[in-house]
Amino acid sequence: MSAGGYKIRNQEGIHFITFAVVEWVDVFTRKAYCDIILDSLRHCQQERGLYIHGWCLMSNHLHLVVSAKNEDTSDILRDFKKFTSKQIIKAISENKNESRKEWMLQIFKTQGEKNSRNSIYQFWRQDNQPKELFSVGFTWQKMNYIHNNPVESGLVEKPEDYLYSSARDYAGKGKGLLEIHPV
C-alpha cells in the first residue's frame, strides 16, 4: 500500500470497491445516514462523471461497481469518502434522537487518533483495495456478490427486494434509488 492508500491504476476500467465503517459500526440503520450516502453518490454522478454500474449499501459498508467518464475514479472516491465521513459524523453529532451517539463518536474519535491523516475522527476504514473487473465473468461474480449480500444477511429473500441496492434495476423490477449504467 502506498502512503496515499490503494490506488486505481486503470482509470478507464470498471472497478469493484468496498467502503467499510471503522470497527464495522452499524451506522446505516438510520435513513438519514443512508440519504447522505445516496445524495453524495448522486452528486458524484451528476457533477463528477461517476458511473455506477452496481451498488449495495449495507448497515456498515458500501459496495460499488464504478467507473468514471472524465475524471480519475480515485479522486472522485477519495472526495466522496472525505465528504461523507464529515457529513455523517456531523449528522450523528446533531441527532438528538440518536441513542448510540456517544458510543459511535467515541469509536470514530479513537480511530482518528490512531491515524495521522485525520484531524479528529475517522469514519471509513482505509483498506478499500479496489479490484479491476477485467472480464465479464469476474464482473458478474462481483455483481452477484453485492446483490446477494442482503439475502446472505437475512434481510430479504430476493436481492431485488432490498431497497438500498441496484438489484431491482438488473432484475427488471423497476428503477432503484440511483441511476445505473448497466454492465
N, C-alpha and C. Protein backbone atom coordinates (compact mmCIF):
# COMPACT_ATOMS: atom_id res chain seq x y z
N MET A 1 0.84 -1.17 0.00
CA MET A 1 0.00 0.00 0.00
C MET A 1 0.88 1.23 0.00
N SER A 2 0.56 2.20 -0.84
CA SER A 2 1.31 3.44 -0.90
C SER A 2 0.89 4.35 0.25
N ALA A 3 1.63 5.44 0.44
CA ALA A 3 1.31 6.39 1.51
C ALA A 3 -0.07 6.98 1.33
N GLY A 4 -0.56 7.05 0.11
CA GLY A 4 -1.88 7.62 -0.15
C GLY A 4 -2.98 6.60 -0.17
N GLY A 5 -2.71 5.37 0.19
CA GLY A 5 -3.75 4.34 0.17
C GLY A 5 -3.72 3.56 -1.14
N TYR A 6 -4.66 2.66 -1.30
CA TYR A 6 -4.75 1.87 -2.51
C TYR A 6 -5.20 2.77 -3.65
N LYS A 7 -4.58 2.59 -4.81
CA LYS A 7 -4.88 3.43 -5.96
C LYS A 7 -5.48 2.59 -7.08
N ILE A 8 -6.35 3.25 -7.83
CA ILE A 8 -6.88 2.64 -9.03
C ILE A 8 -5.89 2.95 -10.15
N ARG A 9 -5.32 1.94 -10.72
CA ARG A 9 -4.27 2.13 -11.73
C ARG A 9 -4.87 2.43 -13.11
N ASN A 10 -5.88 1.69 -13.50
CA ASN A 10 -6.51 1.88 -14.81
C ASN A 10 -7.76 2.73 -14.63
N GLN A 11 -7.61 4.02 -14.84
CA GLN A 11 -8.71 4.95 -14.58
C GLN A 11 -9.87 4.76 -15.55
N GLU A 12 -9.65 4.10 -16.67
CA GLU A 12 -10.74 3.85 -17.62
C GLU A 12 -11.50 2.57 -17.32
N GLY A 13 -10.99 1.77 -16.40
CA GLY A 13 -11.60 0.48 -16.10
C GLY A 13 -12.79 0.58 -15.16
N ILE A 14 -13.51 -0.52 -15.10
CA ILE A 14 -14.61 -0.66 -14.13
C ILE A 14 -14.03 -1.37 -12.91
N HIS A 15 -14.35 -0.86 -11.74
CA HIS A 15 -13.78 -1.40 -10.51
C HIS A 15 -14.85 -1.75 -9.48
N PHE A 16 -14.56 -2.81 -8.73
CA PHE A 16 -15.34 -3.20 -7.56
C PHE A 16 -14.60 -2.67 -6.34
N ILE A 17 -15.33 -2.00 -5.47
CA ILE A 17 -14.70 -1.44 -4.28
C ILE A 17 -15.70 -1.50 -3.12
N THR A 18 -15.17 -1.69 -1.93
CA THR A 18 -15.99 -1.70 -0.73
C THR A 18 -15.44 -0.68 0.24
N PHE A 19 -16.34 0.16 0.76
CA PHE A 19 -16.01 1.08 1.83
C PHE A 19 -16.68 0.56 3.09
N ALA A 20 -15.89 0.31 4.12
CA ALA A 20 -16.44 -0.18 5.38
C ALA A 20 -16.24 0.86 6.48
N VAL A 21 -17.19 0.95 7.37
CA VAL A 21 -17.10 1.84 8.51
C VAL A 21 -16.09 1.25 9.49
N VAL A 22 -15.29 2.11 10.14
CA VAL A 22 -14.32 1.62 11.11
C VAL A 22 -15.03 0.78 12.18
N GLU A 23 -14.34 -0.26 12.61
CA GLU A 23 -14.88 -1.18 13.61
C GLU A 23 -16.22 -1.78 13.21
N TRP A 24 -16.55 -1.67 11.93
CA TRP A 24 -17.78 -2.23 11.38
C TRP A 24 -19.02 -1.76 12.15
N VAL A 25 -19.02 -0.49 12.54
CA VAL A 25 -20.15 0.10 13.27
C VAL A 25 -21.37 0.15 12.35
N ASP A 26 -22.51 -0.29 12.83
CA ASP A 26 -23.75 -0.32 12.04
C ASP A 26 -24.39 1.07 12.00
N VAL A 27 -23.84 1.94 11.18
CA VAL A 27 -24.33 3.31 11.06
C VAL A 27 -25.56 3.39 10.17
N PHE A 28 -25.57 2.62 9.10
CA PHE A 28 -26.60 2.77 8.07
C PHE A 28 -27.88 1.99 8.39
N THR A 29 -28.24 2.04 9.65
CA THR A 29 -29.54 1.52 10.09
C THR A 29 -30.54 2.66 10.21
N ARG A 30 -30.06 3.87 9.98
CA ARG A 30 -30.90 5.07 10.03
C ARG A 30 -30.99 5.67 8.63
N LYS A 31 -32.20 5.99 8.20
CA LYS A 31 -32.45 6.54 6.87
C LYS A 31 -31.65 7.82 6.63
N ALA A 32 -31.55 8.69 7.62
CA ALA A 32 -30.85 9.96 7.45
C ALA A 32 -29.40 9.75 7.03
N TYR A 33 -28.74 8.75 7.57
CA TYR A 33 -27.34 8.49 7.22
C TYR A 33 -27.24 7.84 5.84
N CYS A 34 -28.20 6.99 5.51
CA CYS A 34 -28.25 6.40 4.16
C CYS A 34 -28.46 7.49 3.12
N ASP A 35 -29.31 8.46 3.44
CA ASP A 35 -29.58 9.55 2.50
C ASP A 35 -28.33 10.37 2.20
N ILE A 36 -27.45 10.53 3.17
CA ILE A 36 -26.19 11.25 2.93
C ILE A 36 -25.38 10.50 1.87
N ILE A 37 -25.31 9.19 1.99
CA ILE A 37 -24.58 8.38 1.01
C ILE A 37 -25.21 8.51 -0.37
N LEU A 38 -26.52 8.35 -0.45
CA LEU A 38 -27.21 8.41 -1.74
C LEU A 38 -27.08 9.79 -2.38
N ASP A 39 -27.27 10.84 -1.61
CA ASP A 39 -27.13 12.20 -2.16
C ASP A 39 -25.71 12.47 -2.64
N SER A 40 -24.75 11.98 -1.91
CA SER A 40 -23.35 12.17 -2.31
C SER A 40 -23.01 11.39 -3.57
N LEU A 41 -23.53 10.18 -3.68
CA LEU A 41 -23.31 9.40 -4.91
C LEU A 41 -23.98 10.09 -6.10
N ARG A 42 -25.18 10.62 -5.90
CA ARG A 42 -25.85 11.36 -6.99
C ARG A 42 -25.03 12.57 -7.42
N HIS A 43 -24.48 13.27 -6.46
CA HIS A 43 -23.61 14.42 -6.78
C HIS A 43 -22.42 13.96 -7.62
N CYS A 44 -21.79 12.87 -7.20
CA CYS A 44 -20.63 12.35 -7.95
C CYS A 44 -21.02 11.95 -9.37
N GLN A 45 -22.22 11.44 -9.54
CA GLN A 45 -22.70 11.08 -10.87
C GLN A 45 -22.94 12.33 -11.71
N GLN A 46 -23.65 13.29 -11.16
CA GLN A 46 -24.07 14.47 -11.93
C GLN A 46 -22.96 15.48 -12.15
N GLU A 47 -22.09 15.66 -11.17
CA GLU A 47 -21.09 16.72 -11.24
C GLU A 47 -19.68 16.23 -11.55
N ARG A 48 -19.42 14.95 -11.32
CA ARG A 48 -18.05 14.46 -11.47
C ARG A 48 -17.91 13.36 -12.51
N GLY A 49 -19.03 12.91 -13.08
CA GLY A 49 -18.97 11.90 -14.13
C GLY A 49 -18.78 10.48 -13.64
N LEU A 50 -19.18 10.18 -12.41
CA LEU A 50 -19.07 8.81 -11.89
C LEU A 50 -20.18 7.96 -12.49
N TYR A 51 -19.81 6.82 -13.02
CA TYR A 51 -20.78 5.84 -13.50
C TYR A 51 -20.91 4.77 -12.43
N ILE A 52 -22.13 4.55 -11.97
CA ILE A 52 -22.39 3.47 -11.02
C ILE A 52 -23.03 2.34 -11.81
N HIS A 53 -22.33 1.21 -11.84
CA HIS A 53 -22.81 0.03 -12.57
C HIS A 53 -23.57 -0.91 -11.63
N GLY A 54 -23.21 -0.86 -10.36
CA GLY A 54 -23.87 -1.67 -9.35
C GLY A 54 -23.52 -1.13 -7.97
N TRP A 55 -24.40 -1.36 -7.01
CA TRP A 55 -24.14 -0.87 -5.66
C TRP A 55 -25.02 -1.60 -4.66
N CYS A 56 -24.59 -1.56 -3.40
CA CYS A 56 -25.38 -2.09 -2.31
C CYS A 56 -24.88 -1.46 -1.02
N LEU A 57 -25.77 -0.79 -0.31
CA LEU A 57 -25.44 -0.18 0.98
C LEU A 57 -25.98 -1.07 2.09
N MET A 58 -25.08 -1.62 2.86
CA MET A 58 -25.46 -2.46 4.00
C MET A 58 -25.34 -1.63 5.28
N SER A 59 -25.56 -2.23 6.43
CA SER A 59 -25.58 -1.48 7.69
C SER A 59 -24.24 -0.85 8.05
N ASN A 60 -23.15 -1.44 7.57
CA ASN A 60 -21.83 -0.93 7.95
C ASN A 60 -20.82 -0.88 6.80
N HIS A 61 -21.29 -1.05 5.59
CA HIS A 61 -20.38 -0.95 4.45
C HIS A 61 -21.16 -0.68 3.16
N LEU A 62 -20.41 -0.22 2.18
CA LEU A 62 -20.97 0.12 0.88
C LEU A 62 -20.16 -0.59 -0.20
N HIS A 63 -20.84 -1.36 -1.04
CA HIS A 63 -20.21 -1.98 -2.20
C HIS A 63 -20.55 -1.14 -3.43
N LEU A 64 -19.55 -0.92 -4.27
CA LEU A 64 -19.76 -0.20 -5.53
C LEU A 64 -19.06 -0.93 -6.67
N VAL A 65 -19.70 -0.89 -7.84
CA VAL A 65 -19.05 -1.25 -9.09
C VAL A 65 -19.14 0.02 -9.92
N VAL A 66 -17.98 0.66 -10.15
CA VAL A 66 -17.97 2.01 -10.71
C VAL A 66 -16.88 2.20 -11.77
N SER A 67 -17.08 3.25 -12.56
CA SER A 67 -16.05 3.78 -13.46
C SER A 67 -16.33 5.27 -13.56
N ALA A 68 -15.46 5.99 -14.26
CA ALA A 68 -15.65 7.43 -14.37
C ALA A 68 -15.47 7.87 -15.81
N LYS A 69 -16.22 8.90 -16.17
CA LYS A 69 -16.21 9.41 -17.54
C LYS A 69 -15.04 10.35 -17.78
N ASN A 70 -14.91 11.40 -16.97
CA ASN A 70 -13.95 12.46 -17.28
C ASN A 70 -12.84 12.63 -16.27
N GLU A 71 -12.98 12.08 -15.11
CA GLU A 71 -12.09 12.36 -14.00
C GLU A 71 -11.53 11.04 -13.46
N ASP A 72 -10.43 11.12 -12.73
CA ASP A 72 -9.89 9.92 -12.10
C ASP A 72 -10.88 9.36 -11.08
N THR A 73 -11.18 8.09 -11.22
CA THR A 73 -12.08 7.43 -10.29
C THR A 73 -11.54 7.54 -8.87
N SER A 74 -10.22 7.41 -8.71
CA SER A 74 -9.61 7.51 -7.37
C SER A 74 -9.92 8.85 -6.72
N ASP A 75 -9.82 9.92 -7.49
CA ASP A 75 -10.07 11.26 -6.94
C ASP A 75 -11.53 11.42 -6.53
N ILE A 76 -12.43 10.94 -7.36
CA ILE A 76 -13.85 11.04 -7.04
C ILE A 76 -14.16 10.28 -5.75
N LEU A 77 -13.66 9.06 -5.64
CA LEU A 77 -13.96 8.24 -4.47
C LEU A 77 -13.28 8.77 -3.22
N ARG A 78 -12.08 9.32 -3.36
CA ARG A 78 -11.40 9.95 -2.22
C ARG A 78 -12.25 11.11 -1.68
N ASP A 79 -12.70 11.96 -2.58
CA ASP A 79 -13.51 13.12 -2.18
C ASP A 79 -14.86 12.67 -1.61
N PHE A 80 -15.44 11.62 -2.18
CA PHE A 80 -16.69 11.06 -1.67
C PHE A 80 -16.52 10.61 -0.22
N LYS A 81 -15.46 9.86 0.05
CA LYS A 81 -15.21 9.37 1.40
C LYS A 81 -14.99 10.52 2.38
N LYS A 82 -14.21 11.50 1.96
CA LYS A 82 -13.92 12.64 2.83
C LYS A 82 -15.20 13.41 3.16
N PHE A 83 -16.00 13.70 2.15
CA PHE A 83 -17.23 14.46 2.34
C PHE A 83 -18.23 13.68 3.19
N THR A 84 -18.48 12.43 2.84
CA THR A 84 -19.49 11.66 3.56
C THR A 84 -19.09 11.41 5.01
N SER A 85 -17.81 11.21 5.27
CA SER A 85 -17.39 10.99 6.65
C SER A 85 -17.71 12.22 7.50
N LYS A 86 -17.41 13.40 6.98
CA LYS A 86 -17.70 14.63 7.73
C LYS A 86 -19.20 14.84 7.91
N GLN A 87 -19.97 14.60 6.85
CA GLN A 87 -21.41 14.81 6.92
C GLN A 87 -22.10 13.83 7.85
N ILE A 88 -21.68 12.58 7.83
CA ILE A 88 -22.31 11.57 8.69
C ILE A 88 -21.96 11.83 10.15
N ILE A 89 -20.71 12.15 10.43
CA ILE A 89 -20.33 12.45 11.81
C ILE A 89 -21.08 13.68 12.32
N LYS A 90 -21.23 14.68 11.47
CA LYS A 90 -22.00 15.87 11.84
C LYS A 90 -23.46 15.49 12.12
N ALA A 91 -24.04 14.68 11.24
CA ALA A 91 -25.44 14.25 11.42
C ALA A 91 -25.62 13.46 12.70
N ILE A 92 -24.68 12.59 13.01
CA ILE A 92 -24.75 11.82 14.26
C ILE A 92 -24.66 12.77 15.45
N SER A 93 -23.71 13.69 15.40
CA SER A 93 -23.50 14.65 16.49
C SER A 93 -24.73 15.50 16.76
N GLU A 94 -25.43 15.88 15.71
CA GLU A 94 -26.57 16.78 15.83
C GLU A 94 -27.91 16.07 16.02
N ASN A 95 -27.91 14.75 15.92
CA ASN A 95 -29.15 13.97 16.03
C ASN A 95 -29.51 13.76 17.50
N LYS A 96 -30.50 14.51 17.96
CA LYS A 96 -30.93 14.44 19.37
C LYS A 96 -31.55 13.09 19.71
N ASN A 97 -32.02 12.37 18.71
CA ASN A 97 -32.67 11.08 18.94
C ASN A 97 -31.73 9.89 18.73
N GLU A 98 -30.46 10.16 18.47
CA GLU A 98 -29.51 9.07 18.23
C GLU A 98 -29.07 8.46 19.56
N SER A 99 -29.60 7.29 19.87
CA SER A 99 -29.31 6.63 21.15
C SER A 99 -27.87 6.13 21.23
N ARG A 100 -27.22 5.98 20.08
CA ARG A 100 -25.86 5.42 20.06
C ARG A 100 -24.80 6.50 19.84
N LYS A 101 -25.18 7.76 19.94
CA LYS A 101 -24.32 8.89 19.59
C LYS A 101 -22.95 8.84 20.28
N GLU A 102 -22.94 8.84 21.61
CA GLU A 102 -21.67 8.89 22.34
C GLU A 102 -20.80 7.68 22.01
N TRP A 103 -21.41 6.53 21.94
CA TRP A 103 -20.68 5.29 21.65
C TRP A 103 -20.02 5.35 20.27
N MET A 104 -20.80 5.77 19.25
CA MET A 104 -20.24 5.83 17.89
C MET A 104 -19.16 6.90 17.79
N LEU A 105 -19.43 8.09 18.31
CA LEU A 105 -18.45 9.17 18.22
C LEU A 105 -17.14 8.80 18.92
N GLN A 106 -17.24 8.08 20.03
CA GLN A 106 -16.02 7.65 20.73
C GLN A 106 -15.21 6.69 19.87
N ILE A 107 -15.88 5.78 19.20
CA ILE A 107 -15.17 4.85 18.31
C ILE A 107 -14.49 5.63 17.18
N PHE A 108 -15.21 6.55 16.55
CA PHE A 108 -14.65 7.34 15.44
C PHE A 108 -13.48 8.20 15.92
N LYS A 109 -13.58 8.74 17.13
CA LYS A 109 -12.50 9.57 17.69
C LYS A 109 -11.27 8.71 17.98
N THR A 110 -11.48 7.57 18.62
CA THR A 110 -10.37 6.67 18.94
C THR A 110 -9.64 6.24 17.67
N GLN A 111 -10.39 5.91 16.63
CA GLN A 111 -9.77 5.51 15.37
C GLN A 111 -9.06 6.69 14.71
N GLY A 112 -9.62 7.89 14.82
CA GLY A 112 -8.98 9.08 14.26
C GLY A 112 -7.66 9.41 14.94
N GLU A 113 -7.59 9.19 16.23
CA GLU A 113 -6.35 9.45 16.98
C GLU A 113 -5.23 8.50 16.58
N LYS A 114 -5.59 7.34 16.08
CA LYS A 114 -4.60 6.34 15.65
C LYS A 114 -4.06 6.63 14.25
N ASN A 115 -4.68 7.57 13.53
CA ASN A 115 -4.33 7.81 12.13
C ASN A 115 -3.85 9.24 11.95
N SER A 116 -2.61 9.41 11.54
CA SER A 116 -2.04 10.75 11.38
C SER A 116 -2.68 11.54 10.25
N ARG A 117 -3.42 10.88 9.37
CA ARG A 117 -4.07 11.58 8.25
C ARG A 117 -5.40 12.22 8.64
N ASN A 118 -5.86 12.01 9.87
CA ASN A 118 -7.14 12.56 10.32
C ASN A 118 -6.90 13.65 11.35
N SER A 119 -7.83 14.61 11.37
CA SER A 119 -7.71 15.65 12.38
C SER A 119 -8.36 15.23 13.70
N ILE A 120 -9.58 14.69 13.63
CA ILE A 120 -10.26 14.28 14.87
C ILE A 120 -10.82 12.87 14.73
N TYR A 121 -11.73 12.69 13.77
CA TYR A 121 -12.45 11.44 13.63
C TYR A 121 -12.00 10.67 12.39
N GLN A 122 -12.18 9.35 12.45
CA GLN A 122 -12.07 8.52 11.25
C GLN A 122 -13.36 7.73 11.16
N PHE A 123 -14.02 7.84 10.01
CA PHE A 123 -15.29 7.15 9.79
C PHE A 123 -15.09 5.90 8.95
N TRP A 124 -14.47 6.05 7.78
CA TRP A 124 -14.26 4.92 6.87
C TRP A 124 -12.92 4.25 7.14
N ARG A 125 -12.90 2.94 7.02
CA ARG A 125 -11.64 2.19 7.03
C ARG A 125 -10.85 2.57 5.79
N GLN A 126 -9.56 2.35 5.80
CA GLN A 126 -8.73 2.75 4.67
C GLN A 126 -8.30 1.59 3.79
N ASP A 127 -8.80 0.42 4.03
CA ASP A 127 -8.37 -0.76 3.28
C ASP A 127 -9.37 -1.10 2.17
N ASN A 128 -9.61 -0.17 1.27
CA ASN A 128 -10.61 -0.34 0.21
C ASN A 128 -10.24 -1.42 -0.80
N GLN A 129 -9.00 -1.47 -1.21
CA GLN A 129 -8.49 -2.42 -2.17
C GLN A 129 -9.38 -2.59 -3.41
N PRO A 130 -9.44 -1.56 -4.26
CA PRO A 130 -10.25 -1.68 -5.48
C PRO A 130 -9.76 -2.83 -6.36
N LYS A 131 -10.71 -3.50 -6.98
CA LYS A 131 -10.37 -4.61 -7.88
C LYS A 131 -10.92 -4.29 -9.26
N GLU A 132 -10.02 -4.28 -10.25
CA GLU A 132 -10.46 -4.03 -11.61
C GLU A 132 -11.22 -5.24 -12.14
N LEU A 133 -12.35 -4.98 -12.75
CA LEU A 133 -13.18 -6.06 -13.30
C LEU A 133 -12.75 -6.27 -14.75
N PHE A 134 -11.85 -7.21 -14.93
CA PHE A 134 -11.15 -7.41 -16.19
C PHE A 134 -11.86 -8.35 -17.16
N SER A 135 -12.92 -9.01 -16.70
CA SER A 135 -13.64 -9.92 -17.58
C SER A 135 -15.13 -9.88 -17.26
N VAL A 136 -15.94 -10.35 -18.19
CA VAL A 136 -17.39 -10.41 -17.98
C VAL A 136 -17.71 -11.34 -16.80
N GLY A 137 -17.04 -12.47 -16.75
CA GLY A 137 -17.30 -13.43 -15.67
C GLY A 137 -16.98 -12.86 -14.30
N PHE A 138 -15.83 -12.19 -14.17
CA PHE A 138 -15.43 -11.58 -12.90
C PHE A 138 -16.37 -10.45 -12.52
N THR A 139 -16.82 -9.69 -13.52
CA THR A 139 -17.77 -8.60 -13.27
C THR A 139 -19.06 -9.15 -12.69
N TRP A 140 -19.60 -10.19 -13.31
CA TRP A 140 -20.87 -10.74 -12.82
C TRP A 140 -20.72 -11.47 -11.49
N GLN A 141 -19.55 -12.01 -11.23
CA GLN A 141 -19.29 -12.60 -9.92
C GLN A 141 -19.42 -11.53 -8.84
N LYS A 142 -18.83 -10.37 -9.07
CA LYS A 142 -18.90 -9.28 -8.09
C LYS A 142 -20.31 -8.69 -8.01
N MET A 143 -20.98 -8.54 -9.14
CA MET A 143 -22.35 -8.02 -9.13
C MET A 143 -23.27 -8.96 -8.34
N ASN A 144 -23.16 -10.26 -8.58
CA ASN A 144 -23.98 -11.22 -7.83
C ASN A 144 -23.65 -11.19 -6.34
N TYR A 145 -22.37 -11.04 -6.04
CA TYR A 145 -21.94 -10.97 -4.64
C TYR A 145 -22.59 -9.78 -3.94
N ILE A 146 -22.52 -8.58 -4.53
CA ILE A 146 -23.08 -7.41 -3.85
C ILE A 146 -24.60 -7.48 -3.77
N HIS A 147 -25.24 -7.96 -4.83
CA HIS A 147 -26.70 -8.04 -4.82
C HIS A 147 -27.22 -9.11 -3.86
N ASN A 148 -26.44 -10.14 -3.63
CA ASN A 148 -26.86 -11.20 -2.70
C ASN A 148 -26.48 -10.92 -1.25
N ASN A 149 -25.72 -9.86 -1.01
CA ASN A 149 -25.30 -9.51 0.34
C ASN A 149 -26.50 -9.39 1.31
N PRO A 150 -27.58 -8.69 0.95
CA PRO A 150 -28.73 -8.59 1.86
C PRO A 150 -29.45 -9.93 2.06
N VAL A 151 -29.41 -10.79 1.06
CA VAL A 151 -30.01 -12.12 1.17
C VAL A 151 -29.19 -12.96 2.16
N GLU A 152 -27.89 -12.96 1.98
CA GLU A 152 -26.99 -13.72 2.86
C GLU A 152 -27.08 -13.23 4.30
N SER A 153 -27.37 -11.92 4.46
CA SER A 153 -27.50 -11.34 5.81
C SER A 153 -28.87 -11.58 6.42
N GLY A 154 -29.78 -12.18 5.66
CA GLY A 154 -31.11 -12.48 6.17
C GLY A 154 -32.07 -11.30 6.18
N LEU A 155 -31.76 -10.27 5.42
CA LEU A 155 -32.61 -9.07 5.41
C LEU A 155 -33.78 -9.21 4.44
N VAL A 156 -33.58 -9.92 3.34
CA VAL A 156 -34.62 -10.13 2.33
C VAL A 156 -34.48 -11.53 1.77
N GLU A 157 -35.53 -12.00 1.10
CA GLU A 157 -35.47 -13.32 0.47
C GLU A 157 -34.89 -13.24 -0.93
N LYS A 158 -35.17 -12.12 -1.64
CA LYS A 158 -34.70 -11.95 -3.01
C LYS A 158 -33.91 -10.64 -3.10
N PRO A 159 -32.80 -10.63 -3.83
CA PRO A 159 -31.98 -9.43 -3.93
C PRO A 159 -32.76 -8.18 -4.35
N GLU A 160 -33.69 -8.34 -5.28
CA GLU A 160 -34.43 -7.18 -5.80
C GLU A 160 -35.39 -6.57 -4.78
N ASP A 161 -35.59 -7.23 -3.66
CA ASP A 161 -36.47 -6.68 -2.62
C ASP A 161 -35.74 -5.71 -1.69
N TYR A 162 -34.43 -5.65 -1.79
CA TYR A 162 -33.66 -4.77 -0.92
C TYR A 162 -33.61 -3.37 -1.52
N LEU A 163 -34.04 -2.38 -0.76
CA LEU A 163 -34.16 -1.01 -1.24
C LEU A 163 -32.83 -0.37 -1.60
N TYR A 164 -31.80 -0.58 -0.80
CA TYR A 164 -30.52 0.10 -0.97
C TYR A 164 -29.55 -0.71 -1.83
N SER A 165 -29.96 -0.97 -3.06
CA SER A 165 -29.17 -1.80 -3.95
C SER A 165 -29.62 -1.59 -5.39
N SER A 166 -28.75 -1.95 -6.32
CA SER A 166 -29.10 -1.89 -7.74
C SER A 166 -29.72 -3.18 -8.23
N ALA A 167 -29.99 -4.13 -7.36
CA ALA A 167 -30.52 -5.43 -7.77
C ALA A 167 -31.85 -5.31 -8.50
N ARG A 168 -32.71 -4.40 -8.07
CA ARG A 168 -34.03 -4.27 -8.72
C ARG A 168 -33.87 -3.74 -10.15
N ASP A 169 -32.85 -2.93 -10.39
CA ASP A 169 -32.59 -2.45 -11.76
C ASP A 169 -32.25 -3.63 -12.68
N TYR A 170 -31.39 -4.50 -12.20
CA TYR A 170 -30.95 -5.64 -13.00
C TYR A 170 -32.01 -6.74 -13.10
N ALA A 171 -32.89 -6.82 -12.11
CA ALA A 171 -33.94 -7.85 -12.13
C ALA A 171 -35.14 -7.42 -12.95
N GLY A 172 -35.12 -6.18 -13.45
CA GLY A 172 -36.25 -5.67 -14.23
C GLY A 172 -37.47 -5.41 -13.37
N LYS A 173 -37.26 -5.15 -12.09
CA LYS A 173 -38.37 -4.94 -11.15
C LYS A 173 -38.59 -3.45 -10.86
N GLY A 174 -38.17 -2.61 -11.77
CA GLY A 174 -38.33 -1.18 -11.57
C GLY A 174 -37.01 -0.48 -11.41
N LYS A 175 -37.09 0.81 -11.22
CA LYS A 175 -35.90 1.65 -11.09
C LYS A 175 -35.54 1.75 -9.62
N GLY A 176 -34.27 1.63 -9.35
CA GLY A 176 -33.77 1.76 -7.99
C GLY A 176 -33.56 3.21 -7.59
N LEU A 177 -32.88 3.42 -6.49
CA LEU A 177 -32.69 4.74 -5.91
C LEU A 177 -31.60 5.57 -6.60
N LEU A 178 -30.73 4.91 -7.36
CA LEU A 178 -29.64 5.60 -8.06
C LEU A 178 -29.68 5.27 -9.55
N GLU A 179 -29.20 6.20 -10.35
CA GLU A 179 -29.07 5.97 -11.79
C GLU A 179 -27.98 4.91 -12.02
N ILE A 180 -28.30 3.93 -12.83
CA ILE A 180 -27.38 2.82 -13.09
C ILE A 180 -26.95 2.82 -14.55
N HIS A 181 -25.66 2.56 -14.77
CA HIS A 181 -25.12 2.30 -16.10
C HIS A 181 -24.86 0.79 -16.17
N PRO A 182 -25.79 0.03 -16.76
CA PRO A 182 -25.64 -1.44 -16.75
C PRO A 182 -24.33 -1.89 -17.38
N VAL A 183 -23.81 -2.96 -16.83
CA VAL A 183 -22.56 -3.55 -17.38
C VAL A 183 -22.90 -4.49 -18.52
